[in-house]
C-alpha atoms as a PDB file:
ATOM      1  CA  UNK A   1       3.565  -8.383   4.951  1.00  0.00           C
ATOM      2  CA  UNK A   2       3.618  -4.787   6.057  1.00  0.00           C
ATOM      3  CA  UNK A   3       2.874  -3.998   9.752  1.00  0.00           C
ATOM      4  CA  UNK A   4      -0.091  -2.136   8.827  1.00  0.00           C
ATOM      5  CA  UNK A   5      -1.467  -4.876   6.512  1.00  0.00           C
ATOM      6  CA  UNK A   6      -1.578  -7.075   9.758  1.00  0.00           C
ATOM      7  CA  UNK A   7      -3.504  -4.781  11.595  1.00  0.00           C
ATOM      8  CA  UNK A   8      -7.315  -5.113  12.273  1.00  0.00           C
ATOM      9  CA  UNK A   9      -9.464  -3.454  10.158  1.00  0.00           C
ATOM     10  CA  UNK A  10     -10.983  -0.901  12.878  1.00  0.00           C
ATOM     11  CA  UNK A  11      -7.289   0.157  13.174  1.00  0.00           C
ATOM     12  CA  UNK A  12      -6.423   0.266   9.908  1.00  0.00           C
ATOM     13  CA  UNK A  13      -9.463   2.829   9.102  1.00  0.00           C
ATOM     14  CA  UNK A  14      -8.139   5.296  11.835  1.00  0.00           C
ATOM     15  CA  UNK A  15      -4.456   5.776  10.070  1.00  0.00           C
ATOM     16  CA  UNK A  16      -3.894   9.195   9.040  1.00  0.00           C
ATOM     17  CA  UNK A  17      -2.965  10.386   5.817  1.00  0.00           C
ATOM     18  CA  UNK A  18      -1.082  13.753   4.929  1.00  0.00           C
ATOM     19  CA  UNK A  19      -2.503  15.899   2.331  1.00  0.00           C
ATOM     20  CA  UNK A  20      -0.400  14.292  -0.874  1.00  0.00           C
ATOM     21  CA  UNK A  21      -1.429  10.909   0.439  1.00  0.00           C
ATOM     22  CA  UNK A  22      -5.063  11.479   1.036  1.00  0.00           C
ATOM     23  CA  UNK A  23      -5.332  13.152  -2.280  1.00  0.00           C
ATOM     24  CA  UNK A  24      -3.807  10.147  -4.081  1.00  0.00           C
ATOM     25  CA  UNK A  25      -6.277   7.768  -1.918  1.00  0.00           C
ATOM     26  CA  UNK A  26      -9.061   9.121  -3.495  1.00  0.00           C
ATOM     27  CA  UNK A  27      -7.497   9.821  -6.861  1.00  0.00           C
ATOM     28  CA  UNK A  28      -7.343  13.690  -7.123  1.00  0.00           C
ATOM     29  CA  UNK A  29      -4.301  16.145  -7.597  1.00  0.00           C
ATOM     30  CA  UNK A  30      -3.438  18.097  -4.497  1.00  0.00           C
ATOM     31  CA  UNK A  31      -4.993  21.204  -5.731  1.00  0.00           C
ATOM     32  CA  UNK A  32      -8.104  20.058  -6.481  1.00  0.00           C
ATOM     33  CA  UNK A  33      -8.278  18.034  -3.112  1.00  0.00           C
ATOM     34  CA  UNK A  34      -7.330  21.396  -1.360  1.00  0.00           C
ATOM     35  CA  UNK A  35     -10.184  22.895  -3.120  1.00  0.00           C
ATOM     36  CA  UNK A  36     -12.861  20.536  -2.140  1.00  0.00           C
ATOM     37  CA  UNK A  37     -11.216  20.688   1.564  1.00  0.00           C
ATOM     38  CA  UNK A  38     -11.923  24.771   1.470  1.00  0.00           C
ATOM     39  CA  UNK A  39     -15.151  24.106   0.071  1.00  0.00           C
ATOM     40  CA  UNK A  40     -16.048  21.527   2.956  1.00  0.00           C
ATOM     41  CA  UNK A  41     -16.978  18.890   0.487  1.00  0.00           C
ATOM     42  CA  UNK A  42     -14.443  16.200   1.403  1.00  0.00           C
ATOM     43  CA  UNK A  43     -14.047  15.175   5.452  1.00  0.00           C
ATOM     44  CA  UNK A  44     -12.722  17.539   7.526  1.00  0.00           C
ATOM     45  CA  UNK A  45      -9.127  17.146   8.444  1.00  0.00           C
ATOM     46  CA  UNK A  46      -7.418  16.563  11.606  1.00  0.00           C
ATOM     47  CA  UNK A  47      -5.051  19.086  12.884  1.00  0.00           C
ATOM     48  CA  UNK A  48      -1.817  17.337  13.524  1.00  0.00           C
ATOM     49  CA  UNK A  49       0.257  20.257  14.402  1.00  0.00           C
ATOM     50  CA  UNK A  50       0.219  24.085  13.767  1.00  0.00           C
ATOM     51  CA  UNK A  51       0.929  23.285  10.259  1.00  0.00           C
ATOM     52  CA  UNK A  52       0.069  20.113   9.414  1.00  0.00           C
ATOM     53  CA  UNK A  53      -3.311  18.324   8.623  1.00  0.00           C
ATOM     54  CA  UNK A  54      -4.239  14.783   8.167  1.00  0.00           C
ATOM     55  CA  UNK A  55      -7.189  12.938   6.976  1.00  0.00           C
ATOM     56  CA  UNK A  56      -8.156   9.592   8.447  1.00  0.00           C
ATOM     57  CA  UNK A  57      -8.569   6.540   6.112  1.00  0.00           C
ATOM     58  CA  UNK A  58     -11.902   5.238   7.189  1.00  0.00           C
ATOM     59  CA  UNK A  59     -13.403   8.880   6.538  1.00  0.00           C
ATOM     60  CA  UNK A  60     -11.983   9.064   3.189  1.00  0.00           C
ATOM     61  CA  UNK A  61     -12.941   5.180   2.445  1.00  0.00           C
ATOM     62  CA  UNK A  62     -16.785   6.501   3.952  1.00  0.00           C
ATOM     63  CA  UNK A  63     -17.007   9.490   1.856  1.00  0.00           C
ATOM     64  CA  UNK A  64     -15.791   7.693  -1.595  1.00  0.00           C
ATOM     65  CA  UNK A  65     -18.510   5.118  -0.679  1.00  0.00           C
ATOM     66  CA  UNK A  66     -21.053   7.970  -0.195  1.00  0.00           C
ATOM     67  CA  UNK A  67     -20.023   9.738  -3.445  1.00  0.00           C
ATOM     68  CA  UNK A  68     -20.633   6.488  -5.514  1.00  0.00           C
ATOM     69  CA  UNK A  69     -24.001   6.486  -3.926  1.00  0.00           C
ATOM     70  CA  UNK A  70     -24.774  10.266  -4.950  1.00  0.00           C
ATOM     71  CA  UNK A  71     -24.628  11.385  -1.284  1.00  0.00           C
ATOM     72  CA  UNK A  72     -22.617  14.642   0.273  1.00  0.00           C
ATOM     73  CA  UNK A  73     -20.273  14.172   3.459  1.00  0.00           C
ATOM     74  CA  UNK A  74     -23.167  15.116   5.957  1.00  0.00           C
ATOM     75  CA  UNK A  75     -25.364  12.793   4.454  1.00  0.00           C
ATOM     76  CA  UNK A  76     -22.692  10.149   5.151  1.00  0.00           C
ATOM     77  CA  UNK A  77     -22.072  11.144   8.747  1.00  0.00           C
ATOM     78  CA  UNK A  78     -26.137  11.088   9.506  1.00  0.00           C
ATOM     79  CA  UNK A  79     -26.171   7.416   7.732  1.00  0.00           C
ATOM     80  CA  UNK A  80     -22.926   6.496  10.059  1.00  0.00           C
ATOM     81  CA  UNK A  81     -24.702   7.927  13.164  1.00  0.00           C
ATOM     82  CA  UNK A  82     -27.823   6.142  12.375  1.00  0.00           C
ATOM     83  CA  UNK A  83     -25.892   2.928  12.050  1.00  0.00           C
ATOM     84  CA  UNK A  84     -23.886   3.403  15.338  1.00  0.00           C
ATOM     85  CA  UNK A  85     -27.100   3.772  17.144  1.00  0.00           C
ATOM     86  CA  UNK A  86     -28.383   0.436  16.119  1.00  0.00           C
ATOM     87  CA  UNK A  87     -25.067  -1.225  17.370  1.00  0.00           C
ATOM     88  CA  UNK A  88     -25.887  -3.497  20.463  1.00  0.00           C
END
């Protein structure tokens, strides 16, 4: 069992993937992934260093769930905010 597999789900959602792995995670080629990033269709990346970008696994998973439901990323963020406001 890998160390990541033994982590709590909430920590796994915060794992950061580079461009190539993030594109593979959502099933796109790197050029298509970059086009979607440039058009702000996918979640915005985290600037890890001067030239390195990363994406949280949880953001990508939420984006995929939103796409399956016919939502854009802004609608997913709004739904996420509403759910966060309902937690005690």
